[in-house]
Each structure stands twice: as structure tokens, then as C-alpha cells.
mmCIF file of all heavy atoms, coordinates in Angstrom:
data_MODEL
# 
_entry.id   MODEL 
# 
loop_
_atom_site.group_PDB 
_atom_site.id 
_atom_site.type_symbol 
_atom_site.label_atom_id 
_atom_site.label_alt_id 
_atom_site.label_comp_id 
_atom_site.label_asym_id 
_atom_site.label_entity_id 
_atom_site.label_seq_id 
_atom_site.pdbx_PDB_ins_code 
_atom_site.Cartn_x 
_atom_site.Cartn_y 
_atom_site.Cartn_z 
_atom_site.occupancy 
_atom_site.B_iso_or_equiv 
_atom_site.pdbx_formal_charge 
_atom_site.auth_seq_id 
_atom_site.auth_comp_id 
_atom_site.auth_asym_id 
_atom_site.auth_atom_id 
_atom_site.pdbx_PDB_model_num 
ATOM 1   N N   . PRO A 1 1  ? 3.597   -20.363 -11.174 1.00 0.00 ? 1  PRO A N   1 
ATOM 2   C CA  . PRO A 1 1  ? 3.275   -20.135 -9.775  1.00 0.00 ? 1  PRO A CA  1 
ATOM 3   C C   . PRO A 1 1  ? 2.698   -18.763 -9.579  1.00 0.00 ? 1  PRO A C   1 
ATOM 4   O O   . PRO A 1 1  ? 2.879   -17.793 -10.276 1.00 0.00 ? 1  PRO A O   1 
ATOM 5   C CB  . PRO A 1 1  ? 4.617   -20.281 -9.066  1.00 0.00 ? 1  PRO A CB  1 
ATOM 6   C CG  . PRO A 1 1  ? 5.422   -21.151 -9.955  1.00 0.00 ? 1  PRO A CG  1 
ATOM 7   C CD  . PRO A 1 1  ? 4.990   -20.811 -11.362 1.00 0.00 ? 1  PRO A CD  1 
ATOM 8   N N   . HIS A 1 2  ? 1.902   -18.661 -8.446  1.00 0.00 ? 2  HIS A N   1 
ATOM 9   C CA  . HIS A 1 2  ? 1.322   -17.391 -8.023  1.00 0.00 ? 2  HIS A CA  1 
ATOM 10  C C   . HIS A 1 2  ? 2.420   -16.415 -7.643  1.00 0.00 ? 2  HIS A C   1 
ATOM 11  O O   . HIS A 1 2  ? 3.412   -16.757 -7.100  1.00 0.00 ? 2  HIS A O   1 
ATOM 12  C CB  . HIS A 1 2  ? 0.426   -17.652 -6.755  1.00 0.00 ? 2  HIS A CB  1 
ATOM 13  C CG  . HIS A 1 2  ? -0.516  -16.563 -6.454  1.00 0.00 ? 2  HIS A CG  1 
ATOM 14  N ND1 . HIS A 1 2  ? -0.157  -15.434 -5.839  1.00 0.00 ? 2  HIS A ND1 1 
ATOM 15  C CD2 . HIS A 1 2  ? -1.849  -16.440 -6.623  1.00 0.00 ? 2  HIS A CD2 1 
ATOM 16  C CE1 . HIS A 1 2  ? -1.172  -14.587 -5.697  1.00 0.00 ? 2  HIS A CE1 1 
ATOM 17  N NE2 . HIS A 1 2  ? -2.215  -15.268 -6.154  1.00 0.00 ? 2  HIS A NE2 1 
ATOM 18  N N   . PRO A 1 3  ? 2.230   -15.109 -7.923  1.00 0.00 ? 3  PRO A N   1 
ATOM 19  C CA  . PRO A 1 3  ? 3.239   -14.082 -7.561  1.00 0.00 ? 3  PRO A CA  1 
ATOM 20  C C   . PRO A 1 3  ? 3.424   -14.016 -6.037  1.00 0.00 ? 3  PRO A C   1 
ATOM 21  O O   . PRO A 1 3  ? 2.481   -14.277 -5.308  1.00 0.00 ? 3  PRO A O   1 
ATOM 22  C CB  . PRO A 1 3  ? 2.677   -12.810 -8.168  1.00 0.00 ? 3  PRO A CB  1 
ATOM 23  C CG  . PRO A 1 3  ? 1.216   -13.006 -8.230  1.00 0.00 ? 3  PRO A CG  1 
ATOM 24  C CD  . PRO A 1 3  ? 1.032   -14.472 -8.601  1.00 0.00 ? 3  PRO A CD  1 
ATOM 25  N N   . GLN A 1 4  ? 4.602   -13.652 -5.653  1.00 0.00 ? 4  GLN A N   1 
ATOM 26  C CA  . GLN A 1 4  ? 4.877   -13.497 -4.242  1.00 0.00 ? 4  GLN A CA  1 
ATOM 27  C C   . GLN A 1 4  ? 4.101   -12.301 -3.644  1.00 0.00 ? 4  GLN A C   1 
ATOM 28  O O   . GLN A 1 4  ? 3.702   -11.371 -4.328  1.00 0.00 ? 4  GLN A O   1 
ATOM 29  C CB  . GLN A 1 4  ? 6.383   -13.291 -4.044  1.00 0.00 ? 4  GLN A CB  1 
ATOM 30  C CG  . GLN A 1 4  ? 7.219   -14.482 -4.514  1.00 0.00 ? 4  GLN A CG  1 
ATOM 31  C CD  . GLN A 1 4  ? 8.706   -14.211 -4.343  1.00 0.00 ? 4  GLN A CD  1 
ATOM 32  O OE1 . GLN A 1 4  ? 9.101   -13.256 -3.726  1.00 0.00 ? 4  GLN A OE1 1 
ATOM 33  N NE2 . GLN A 1 4  ? 9.484   -15.070 -4.931  1.00 0.00 ? 4  GLN A NE2 1 
ATOM 34  N N   . GLY A 1 5  ? 3.973   -12.286 -2.301  1.00 0.00 ? 5  GLY A N   1 
ATOM 35  C CA  . GLY A 1 5  ? 3.183   -11.232 -1.645  1.00 0.00 ? 5  GLY A CA  1 
ATOM 36  C C   . GLY A 1 5  ? 3.739   -9.900  -1.878  1.00 0.00 ? 5  GLY A C   1 
ATOM 37  O O   . GLY A 1 5  ? 3.005   -8.871  -1.981  1.00 0.00 ? 5  GLY A O   1 
ATOM 38  N N   . VAL A 1 6  ? 5.074   -9.805  -1.882  1.00 0.00 ? 6  VAL A N   1 
ATOM 39  C CA  . VAL A 1 6  ? 5.734   -8.483  -2.054  1.00 0.00 ? 6  VAL A CA  1 
ATOM 40  C C   . VAL A 1 6  ? 5.453   -7.909  -3.429  1.00 0.00 ? 6  VAL A C   1 
ATOM 41  O O   . VAL A 1 6  ? 5.561   -6.682  -3.643  1.00 0.00 ? 6  VAL A O   1 
ATOM 42  C CB  . VAL A 1 6  ? 7.281   -8.547  -1.860  1.00 0.00 ? 6  VAL A CB  1 
ATOM 43  C CG1 . VAL A 1 6  ? 7.854   -9.391  -2.957  1.00 0.00 ? 6  VAL A CG1 1 
ATOM 44  C CG2 . VAL A 1 6  ? 7.908   -7.206  -1.662  1.00 0.00 ? 6  VAL A CG2 1 
ATOM 45  N N   . GLN A 1 7  ? 5.023   -8.719  -4.407  1.00 0.00 ? 7  GLN A N   1 
ATOM 46  C CA  . GLN A 1 7  ? 4.796   -8.297  -5.743  1.00 0.00 ? 7  GLN A CA  1 
ATOM 47  C C   . GLN A 1 7  ? 3.385   -7.746  -5.946  1.00 0.00 ? 7  GLN A C   1 
ATOM 48  O O   . GLN A 1 7  ? 3.053   -7.128  -7.016  1.00 0.00 ? 7  GLN A O   1 
ATOM 49  C CB  . GLN A 1 7  ? 5.082   -9.387  -6.774  1.00 0.00 ? 7  GLN A CB  1 
ATOM 50  C CG  . GLN A 1 7  ? 6.544   -9.789  -6.802  1.00 0.00 ? 7  GLN A CG  1 
ATOM 51  C CD  . GLN A 1 7  ? 6.703   -11.007 -7.716  1.00 0.00 ? 7  GLN A CD  1 
ATOM 52  O OE1 . GLN A 1 7  ? 5.779   -11.664 -8.170  1.00 0.00 ? 7  GLN A OE1 1 
ATOM 53  N NE2 . GLN A 1 7  ? 8.020   -11.358 -7.944  1.00 0.00 ? 7  GLN A NE2 1 
ATOM 54  N N   . ILE A 1 8  ? 2.509   -7.890  -4.955  1.00 0.00 ? 8  ILE A N   1 
ATOM 55  C CA  . ILE A 1 8  ? 1.156   -7.393  -5.063  1.00 0.00 ? 8  ILE A CA  1 
ATOM 56  C C   . ILE A 1 8  ? 0.812   -6.427  -3.940  1.00 0.00 ? 8  ILE A C   1 
ATOM 57  O O   . ILE A 1 8  ? -0.137  -5.680  -4.069  1.00 0.00 ? 8  ILE A O   1 
ATOM 58  C CB  . ILE A 1 8  ? 0.112   -8.518  -5.062  1.00 0.00 ? 8  ILE A CB  1 
ATOM 59  C CG1 . ILE A 1 8  ? 0.176   -9.356  -3.808  1.00 0.00 ? 8  ILE A CG1 1 
ATOM 60  C CG2 . ILE A 1 8  ? 0.302   -9.409  -6.332  1.00 0.00 ? 8  ILE A CG2 1 
ATOM 61  C CD1 . ILE A 1 8  ? -0.955  -10.458 -3.742  1.00 0.00 ? 8  ILE A CD1 1 
ATOM 62  N N   . GLN A 1 9  ? 1.520   -6.456  -2.798  1.00 0.00 ? 9  GLN A N   1 
ATOM 63  C CA  . GLN A 1 9  ? 1.180   -5.542  -1.723  1.00 0.00 ? 9  GLN A CA  1 
ATOM 64  C C   . GLN A 1 9  ? 1.420   -4.123  -2.073  1.00 0.00 ? 9  GLN A C   1 
ATOM 65  O O   . GLN A 1 9  ? 2.493   -3.674  -2.521  1.00 0.00 ? 9  GLN A O   1 
ATOM 66  C CB  . GLN A 1 9  ? 2.071   -5.886  -0.493  1.00 0.00 ? 9  GLN A CB  1 
ATOM 67  C CG  . GLN A 1 9  ? 1.739   -5.113  0.752   1.00 0.00 ? 9  GLN A CG  1 
ATOM 68  C CD  . GLN A 1 9  ? 0.319   -5.414  1.182   1.00 0.00 ? 9  GLN A CD  1 
ATOM 69  O OE1 . GLN A 1 9  ? -0.155  -6.585  1.092   1.00 0.00 ? 9  GLN A OE1 1 
ATOM 70  N NE2 . GLN A 1 9  ? -0.412  -4.433  1.725   1.00 0.00 ? 9  GLN A NE2 1 
ATOM 71  N N   . ASN A 1 10 ? 0.334   -3.289  -2.038  1.00 0.00 ? 10 ASN A N   1 
ATOM 72  C CA  . ASN A 1 10 ? 0.323   -1.881  -2.389  1.00 0.00 ? 10 ASN A CA  1 
ATOM 73  C C   . ASN A 1 10 ? 0.602   -1.641  -3.885  1.00 0.00 ? 10 ASN A C   1 
ATOM 74  O O   . ASN A 1 10 ? 0.836   -0.539  -4.266  1.00 0.00 ? 10 ASN A O   1 
ATOM 75  C CB  . ASN A 1 10 ? 1.359   -1.116  -1.606  1.00 0.00 ? 10 ASN A CB  1 
ATOM 76  C CG  . ASN A 1 10 ? 1.026   -0.878  -0.120  1.00 0.00 ? 10 ASN A CG  1 
ATOM 77  O OD1 . ASN A 1 10 ? -0.187  -0.849  0.148   1.00 0.00 ? 10 ASN A OD1 1 
ATOM 78  N ND2 . ASN A 1 10 ? 1.931   -0.758  0.751   1.00 0.00 ? 10 ASN A ND2 1 
ATOM 79  N N   . LEU A 1 11 ? 0.509   -2.692  -4.671  1.00 0.00 ? 11 LEU A N   1 
ATOM 80  C CA  . LEU A 1 11 ? 0.806   -2.559  -6.116  1.00 0.00 ? 11 LEU A CA  1 
ATOM 81  C C   . LEU A 1 11 ? -0.378  -2.941  -7.018  1.00 0.00 ? 11 LEU A C   1 
ATOM 82  O O   . LEU A 1 11 ? -0.286  -2.869  -8.254  1.00 0.00 ? 11 LEU A O   1 
ATOM 83  C CB  . LEU A 1 11 ? 1.991   -3.389  -6.529  1.00 0.00 ? 11 LEU A CB  1 
ATOM 84  C CG  . LEU A 1 11 ? 3.341   -2.968  -5.834  1.00 0.00 ? 11 LEU A CG  1 
ATOM 85  C CD1 . LEU A 1 11 ? 4.410   -3.954  -6.187  1.00 0.00 ? 11 LEU A CD1 1 
ATOM 86  C CD2 . LEU A 1 11 ? 3.773   -1.584  -6.359  1.00 0.00 ? 11 LEU A CD2 1 
ATOM 87  N N   . THR A 1 12 ? -1.466  -3.385  -6.430  1.00 0.00 ? 12 THR A N   1 
ATOM 88  C CA  . THR A 1 12 ? -2.723  -3.675  -7.204  1.00 0.00 ? 12 THR A CA  1 
ATOM 89  C C   . THR A 1 12 ? -3.853  -2.872  -6.576  1.00 0.00 ? 12 THR A C   1 
ATOM 90  O O   . THR A 1 12 ? -3.744  -2.340  -5.469  1.00 0.00 ? 12 THR A O   1 
ATOM 91  C CB  . THR A 1 12 ? -3.032  -5.172  -7.180  1.00 0.00 ? 12 THR A CB  1 
ATOM 92  O OG1 . THR A 1 12 ? -3.572  -5.527  -5.927  1.00 0.00 ? 12 THR A OG1 1 
ATOM 93  C CG2 . THR A 1 12 ? -1.829  -5.984  -7.526  1.00 0.00 ? 12 THR A CG2 1 
ATOM 94  N N   . TRP A 1 13 ? -4.930  -2.831  -7.344  1.00 0.00 ? 13 TRP A N   1 
ATOM 95  C CA  . TRP A 1 13 ? -6.148  -2.048  -6.831  1.00 0.00 ? 13 TRP A CA  1 
ATOM 96  C C   . TRP A 1 13 ? -6.676  -2.691  -5.597  1.00 0.00 ? 13 TRP A C   1 
ATOM 97  O O   . TRP A 1 13 ? -7.119  -2.007  -4.674  1.00 0.00 ? 13 TRP A O   1 
ATOM 98  C CB  . TRP A 1 13 ? -7.209  -2.097  -7.938  1.00 0.00 ? 13 TRP A CB  1 
ATOM 99  C CG  . TRP A 1 13 ? -8.488  -1.397  -7.591  1.00 0.00 ? 13 TRP A CG  1 
ATOM 100 C CD1 . TRP A 1 13 ? -9.591  -1.948  -7.085  1.00 0.00 ? 13 TRP A CD1 1 
ATOM 101 C CD2 . TRP A 1 13 ? -8.740  -0.014  -7.750  1.00 0.00 ? 13 TRP A CD2 1 
ATOM 102 N NE1 . TRP A 1 13 ? -10.532 -0.972  -6.843  1.00 0.00 ? 13 TRP A NE1 1 
ATOM 103 C CE2 . TRP A 1 13 ? -10.069 0.236   -7.275  1.00 0.00 ? 13 TRP A CE2 1 
ATOM 104 C CE3 . TRP A 1 13 ? -8.001  1.055   -8.204  1.00 0.00 ? 13 TRP A CE3 1 
ATOM 105 C CZ2 . TRP A 1 13 ? -10.655 1.542   -7.269  1.00 0.00 ? 13 TRP A CZ2 1 
ATOM 106 C CZ3 . TRP A 1 13 ? -8.584  2.330   -8.241  1.00 0.00 ? 13 TRP A CZ3 1 
ATOM 107 C CH2 . TRP A 1 13 ? -9.948  2.535   -7.737  1.00 0.00 ? 13 TRP A CH2 1 
ATOM 108 N N   . TRP A 1 14 ? -6.607  -3.996  -5.483  1.00 0.00 ? 14 TRP A N   1 
ATOM 109 C CA  . TRP A 1 14 ? -7.214  -4.721  -4.351  1.00 0.00 ? 14 TRP A CA  1 
ATOM 110 C C   . TRP A 1 14 ? -6.346  -4.795  -3.122  1.00 0.00 ? 14 TRP A C   1 
ATOM 111 O O   . TRP A 1 14 ? -6.825  -5.152  -2.034  1.00 0.00 ? 14 TRP A O   1 
ATOM 112 C CB  . TRP A 1 14 ? -7.618  -6.146  -4.762  1.00 0.00 ? 14 TRP A CB  1 
ATOM 113 C CG  . TRP A 1 14 ? -8.195  -6.162  -6.088  1.00 0.00 ? 14 TRP A CG  1 
ATOM 114 C CD1 . TRP A 1 14 ? -7.687  -6.639  -7.257  1.00 0.00 ? 14 TRP A CD1 1 
ATOM 115 C CD2 . TRP A 1 14 ? -9.547  -5.679  -6.481  1.00 0.00 ? 14 TRP A CD2 1 
ATOM 116 N NE1 . TRP A 1 14 ? -8.555  -6.503  -8.336  1.00 0.00 ? 14 TRP A NE1 1 
ATOM 117 C CE2 . TRP A 1 14 ? -9.727  -5.865  -7.913  1.00 0.00 ? 14 TRP A CE2 1 
ATOM 118 C CE3 . TRP A 1 14 ? -10.566 -5.066  -5.783  1.00 0.00 ? 14 TRP A CE3 1 
ATOM 119 C CZ2 . TRP A 1 14 ? -10.840 -5.453  -8.572  1.00 0.00 ? 14 TRP A CZ2 1 
ATOM 120 C CZ3 . TRP A 1 14 ? -11.701 -4.631  -6.472  1.00 0.00 ? 14 TRP A CZ3 1 
ATOM 121 C CH2 . TRP A 1 14 ? -11.893 -4.854  -7.835  1.00 0.00 ? 14 TRP A CH2 1 
ATOM 122 N N   . THR A 1 15 ? -5.050  -4.472  -3.283  1.00 0.00 ? 15 THR A N   1 
ATOM 123 C CA  . THR A 1 15 ? -4.106  -4.592  -2.149  1.00 0.00 ? 15 THR A CA  1 
ATOM 124 C C   . THR A 1 15 ? -3.498  -3.254  -1.784  1.00 0.00 ? 15 THR A C   1 
ATOM 125 O O   . THR A 1 15 ? -2.577  -3.174  -1.028  1.00 0.00 ? 15 THR A O   1 
ATOM 126 C CB  . THR A 1 15 ? -2.973  -5.561  -2.483  1.00 0.00 ? 15 THR A CB  1 
ATOM 127 O OG1 . THR A 1 15 ? -2.262  -5.113  -3.579  1.00 0.00 ? 15 THR A OG1 1 
ATOM 128 C CG2 . THR A 1 15 ? -3.490  -6.958  -2.732  1.00 0.00 ? 15 THR A CG2 1 
ATOM 129 N N   . LEU A 1 16 ? -4.082  -2.152  -2.252  1.00 0.00 ? 16 LEU A N   1 
ATOM 130 C CA  . LEU A 1 16 ? -3.570  -0.819  -2.035  1.00 0.00 ? 16 LEU A CA  1 
ATOM 131 C C   . LEU A 1 16 ? -3.966  -0.319  -0.611  1.00 0.00 ? 16 LEU A C   1 
ATOM 132 O O   . LEU A 1 16 ? -5.145  -0.347  -0.227  1.00 0.00 ? 16 LEU A O   1 
ATOM 133 C CB  . LEU A 1 16 ? -4.096  0.183   -3.069  1.00 0.00 ? 16 LEU A CB  1 
ATOM 134 C CG  . LEU A 1 16 ? -3.505  1.617   -2.982  1.00 0.00 ? 16 LEU A CG  1 
ATOM 135 C CD1 . LEU A 1 16 ? -2.057  1.611   -3.239  1.00 0.00 ? 16 LEU A CD1 1 
ATOM 136 C CD2 . LEU A 1 16 ? -4.276  2.523   -3.949  1.00 0.00 ? 16 LEU A CD2 1 
ATOM 137 N N   . ALA A 1 17 ? -2.954  -0.032  0.195   1.00 0.00 ? 17 ALA A N   1 
ATOM 138 C CA  . ALA A 1 17 ? -3.198  0.469   1.528   1.00 0.00 ? 17 ALA A CA  1 
ATOM 139 C C   . ALA A 1 17 ? -3.482  1.943   1.506   1.00 0.00 ? 17 ALA A C   1 
ATOM 140 O O   . ALA A 1 17 ? -2.854  2.702   0.716   1.00 0.00 ? 17 ALA A O   1 
ATOM 141 C CB  . ALA A 1 17 ? -2.020  0.202   2.407   1.00 0.00 ? 17 ALA A CB  1 
ATOM 142 N N   . GLN A 1 18 ? -4.361  2.440   2.310   1.00 0.00 ? 18 GLN A N   1 
ATOM 143 C CA  . GLN A 1 18 ? -4.742  3.842   2.413   1.00 0.00 ? 18 GLN A CA  1 
ATOM 144 C C   . GLN A 1 18 ? -3.805  4.583   3.357   1.00 0.00 ? 18 GLN A C   1 
ATOM 145 O O   . GLN A 1 18 ? -4.131  4.790   4.528   1.00 0.00 ? 18 GLN A O   1 
ATOM 146 C CB  . GLN A 1 18 ? -6.187  4.044   2.843   1.00 0.00 ? 18 GLN A CB  1 
ATOM 147 C CG  . GLN A 1 18 ? -7.200  3.424   1.874   1.00 0.00 ? 18 GLN A CG  1 
ATOM 148 C CD  . GLN A 1 18 ? -7.147  4.107   0.533   1.00 0.00 ? 18 GLN A CD  1 
ATOM 149 O OE1 . GLN A 1 18 ? -7.014  5.316   0.451   1.00 0.00 ? 18 GLN A OE1 1 
ATOM 150 N NE2 . GLN A 1 18 ? -7.235  3.350   -0.568  1.00 0.00 ? 18 GLN A NE2 1 
ATOM 151 N N   . ASP A 1 19 ? -2.539  4.780   2.907   1.00 0.00 ? 19 ASP A N   1 
ATOM 152 C CA  . ASP A 1 19 ? -1.586  5.478   3.686   1.00 0.00 ? 19 ASP A CA  1 
ATOM 153 C C   . ASP A 1 19 ? -1.863  6.954   3.774   1.00 0.00 ? 19 ASP A C   1 
ATOM 154 O O   . ASP A 1 19 ? -2.491  7.585   2.938   1.00 0.00 ? 19 ASP A O   1 
ATOM 155 C CB  . ASP A 1 19 ? -0.199  5.242   3.201   1.00 0.00 ? 19 ASP A CB  1 
ATOM 156 C CG  . ASP A 1 19 ? 0.209   3.727   3.181   1.00 0.00 ? 19 ASP A CG  1 
ATOM 157 O OD1 . ASP A 1 19 ? -0.237  3.079   4.117   1.00 0.00 ? 19 ASP A OD1 1 
ATOM 158 O OD2 . ASP A 1 19 ? 0.926   3.335   2.271   1.00 0.00 ? 19 ASP A OD2 1 
ATOM 159 N N   . LEU A 1 20 ? -1.276  7.627   4.815   1.00 0.00 ? 20 LEU A N   1 
ATOM 160 C CA  . LEU A 1 20 ? -1.351  9.092   4.899   1.00 0.00 ? 20 LEU A CA  1 
ATOM 161 C C   . LEU A 1 20 ? -0.534  9.690   3.776   1.00 0.00 ? 20 LEU A C   1 
ATOM 162 O O   . LEU A 1 20 ? 0.494   9.166   3.409   1.00 0.00 ? 20 LEU A O   1 
ATOM 163 C CB  . LEU A 1 20 ? -0.785  9.550   6.295   1.00 0.00 ? 20 LEU A CB  1 
ATOM 164 C CG  . LEU A 1 20 ? -1.679  9.314   7.480   1.00 0.00 ? 20 LEU A CG  1 
ATOM 165 C CD1 . LEU A 1 20 ? -0.915  9.691   8.743   1.00 0.00 ? 20 LEU A CD1 1 
ATOM 166 C CD2 . LEU A 1 20 ? -3.008  10.041  7.395   1.00 0.00 ? 20 LEU A CD2 1 
ATOM 167 N N   . PRO A 1 21 ? -0.998  10.853  3.246   1.00 0.00 ? 21 PRO A N   1 
ATOM 168 C CA  . PRO A 1 21 ? -0.227  11.453  2.196   1.00 0.00 ? 21 PRO A CA  1 
ATOM 169 C C   . PRO A 1 21 ? 1.130   11.979  2.702   1.00 0.00 ? 21 PRO A C   1 
ATOM 170 O O   . PRO A 1 21 ? 1.286   12.204  3.898   1.00 0.00 ? 21 PRO A O   1 
ATOM 171 C CB  . PRO A 1 21 ? -1.116  12.631  1.787   1.00 0.00 ? 21 PRO A CB  1 
ATOM 172 C CG  . PRO A 1 21 ? -1.971  12.911  2.950   1.00 0.00 ? 21 PRO A CG  1 
ATOM 173 C CD  . PRO A 1 21 ? -2.178  11.552  3.608   1.00 0.00 ? 21 PRO A CD  1 
ATOM 174 N N   . SER A 1 22 ? 2.080   12.088  1.788   1.00 0.00 ? 22 SER A N   1 
ATOM 175 C CA  . SER A 1 22 ? 3.401   12.577  2.109   1.00 0.00 ? 22 SER A CA  1 
ATOM 176 C C   . SER A 1 22 ? 3.374   13.915  2.804   1.00 0.00 ? 22 SER A C   1 
ATOM 177 O O   . SER A 1 22 ? 2.691   14.862  2.353   1.00 0.00 ? 22 SER A O   1 
ATOM 178 C CB  . SER A 1 22 ? 4.228   12.616  0.873   1.00 0.00 ? 22 SER A CB  1 
ATOM 179 O OG  . SER A 1 22 ? 5.495   13.135  1.157   1.00 0.00 ? 22 SER A OG  1 
ATOM 180 N N   . GLY A 1 23 ? 4.036   14.086  3.848   1.00 0.00 ? 23 GLY A N   1 
ATOM 181 C CA  . GLY A 1 23 ? 4.093   15.391  4.582   1.00 0.00 ? 23 GLY A CA  1 
ATOM 182 C C   . GLY A 1 23 ? 3.012   15.546  5.627   1.00 0.00 ? 23 GLY A C   1 
ATOM 183 O O   . GLY A 1 23 ? 2.975   16.548  6.355   1.00 0.00 ? 23 GLY A O   1 
ATOM 184 N N   . VAL A 1 24 ? 2.089   14.572  5.753   1.00 0.00 ? 24 VAL A N   1 
ATOM 185 C CA  . VAL A 1 24 ? 1.047   14.701  6.705   1.00 0.00 ? 24 VAL A CA  1 
ATOM 186 C C   . VAL A 1 24 ? 1.329   13.694  7.847   1.00 0.00 ? 24 VAL A C   1 
ATOM 187 O O   . VAL A 1 24 ? 1.364   12.487  7.543   1.00 0.00 ? 24 VAL A O   1 
ATOM 188 C CB  . VAL A 1 24 ? -0.340  14.383  6.109   1.00 0.00 ? 24 VAL A CB  1 
ATOM 189 C CG1 . VAL A 1 24 ? -1.434  14.460  7.213   1.00 0.00 ? 24 VAL A CG1 1 
ATOM 190 C CG2 . VAL A 1 24 ? -0.654  15.399  4.984   1.00 0.00 ? 24 VAL A CG2 1 
ATOM 191 N N   . LYS A 1 25 ? 1.533   14.132  9.017   1.00 0.00 ? 25 LYS A N   1 
ATOM 192 C CA  . LYS A 1 25 ? 1.860   13.328  10.165  1.00 0.00 ? 25 LYS A CA  1 
ATOM 193 C C   . LYS A 1 25 ? 0.592   12.730  10.802  1.00 0.00 ? 25 LYS A C   1 
ATOM 194 O O   . LYS A 1 25 ? -0.488  13.273  10.686  1.00 0.00 ? 25 LYS A O   1 
ATOM 195 C CB  . LYS A 1 25 ? 2.670   14.103  11.260  1.00 0.00 ? 25 LYS A CB  1 
ATOM 196 C CG  . LYS A 1 25 ? 3.993   14.657  10.712  1.00 0.00 ? 25 LYS A CG  1 
ATOM 197 C CD  . LYS A 1 25 ? 4.671   15.454  11.828  1.00 0.00 ? 25 LYS A CD  1 
ATOM 198 C CE  . LYS A 1 25 ? 5.984   16.074  11.289  1.00 0.00 ? 25 LYS A CE  1 
ATOM 199 N NZ  . LYS A 1 25 ? 6.637   16.837  12.325  1.00 0.00 ? 25 LYS A NZ  1 
ATOM 200 N N   . ALA A 1 26 ? 0.779   11.577  11.401  1.00 0.00 ? 26 ALA A N   1 
ATOM 201 C CA  . ALA A 1 26 ? -0.321  10.953  12.094  1.00 0.00 ? 26 ALA A CA  1 
ATOM 202 C C   . ALA A 1 26 ? -0.861  11.815  13.196  1.00 0.00 ? 26 ALA A C   1 
ATOM 203 O O   . ALA A 1 26 ? -0.061  12.401  14.034  1.00 0.00 ? 26 ALA A O   1 
ATOM 204 C CB  . ALA A 1 26 ? 0.091   9.601   12.738  1.00 0.00 ? 26 ALA A CB  1 
ATOM 205 N N   . GLY A 1 27 ? -2.117  12.042  13.277  1.00 0.00 ? 27 GLY A N   1 
ATOM 206 C CA  . GLY A 1 27 ? -2.725  12.951  14.272  1.00 0.00 ? 27 GLY A CA  1 
ATOM 207 C C   . GLY A 1 27 ? -2.829  14.434  13.860  1.00 0.00 ? 27 GLY A C   1 
ATOM 208 O O   . GLY A 1 27 ? -3.386  15.207  14.570  1.00 0.00 ? 27 GLY A O   1 
ATOM 209 N N   . ASP A 1 28 ? -2.264  14.704  12.747  1.00 0.00 ? 28 ASP A N   1 
ATOM 210 C CA  . ASP A 1 28 ? -2.380  16.110  12.256  1.00 0.00 ? 28 ASP A CA  1 
ATOM 211 C C   . ASP A 1 28 ? -3.732  16.248  11.487  1.00 0.00 ? 28 ASP A C   1 
ATOM 212 O O   . ASP A 1 28 ? -3.772  16.127  10.240  1.00 0.00 ? 28 ASP A O   1 
ATOM 213 C CB  . ASP A 1 28 ? -1.204  16.406  11.316  1.00 0.00 ? 28 ASP A CB  1 
ATOM 214 C CG  . ASP A 1 28 ? -1.104  17.872  10.955  1.00 0.00 ? 28 ASP A CG  1 
ATOM 215 O OD1 . ASP A 1 28 ? -2.039  18.614  11.250  1.00 0.00 ? 28 ASP A OD1 1 
ATOM 216 O OD2 . ASP A 1 28 ? -0.066  18.294  10.365  1.00 0.00 ? 28 ASP A OD2 1 
# 
């Protein structure tokens, strides 16, 4: 079977979210 969504979210090149870096607040 296909892997579950939690096993690929933010863990592959194609599903990587562009989150803010650690220590940088939204709007800063």
C-alpha cells in the first residue's frame, strides 16, 4: 500500500513546506 500522508508531509522534496526559520516570528 501507498504510505500514509503523515509519512510524506514535510519529509520529501515534493511535500516540503516553506516554513519560517526557527526564531523568526510572522511579520518580522
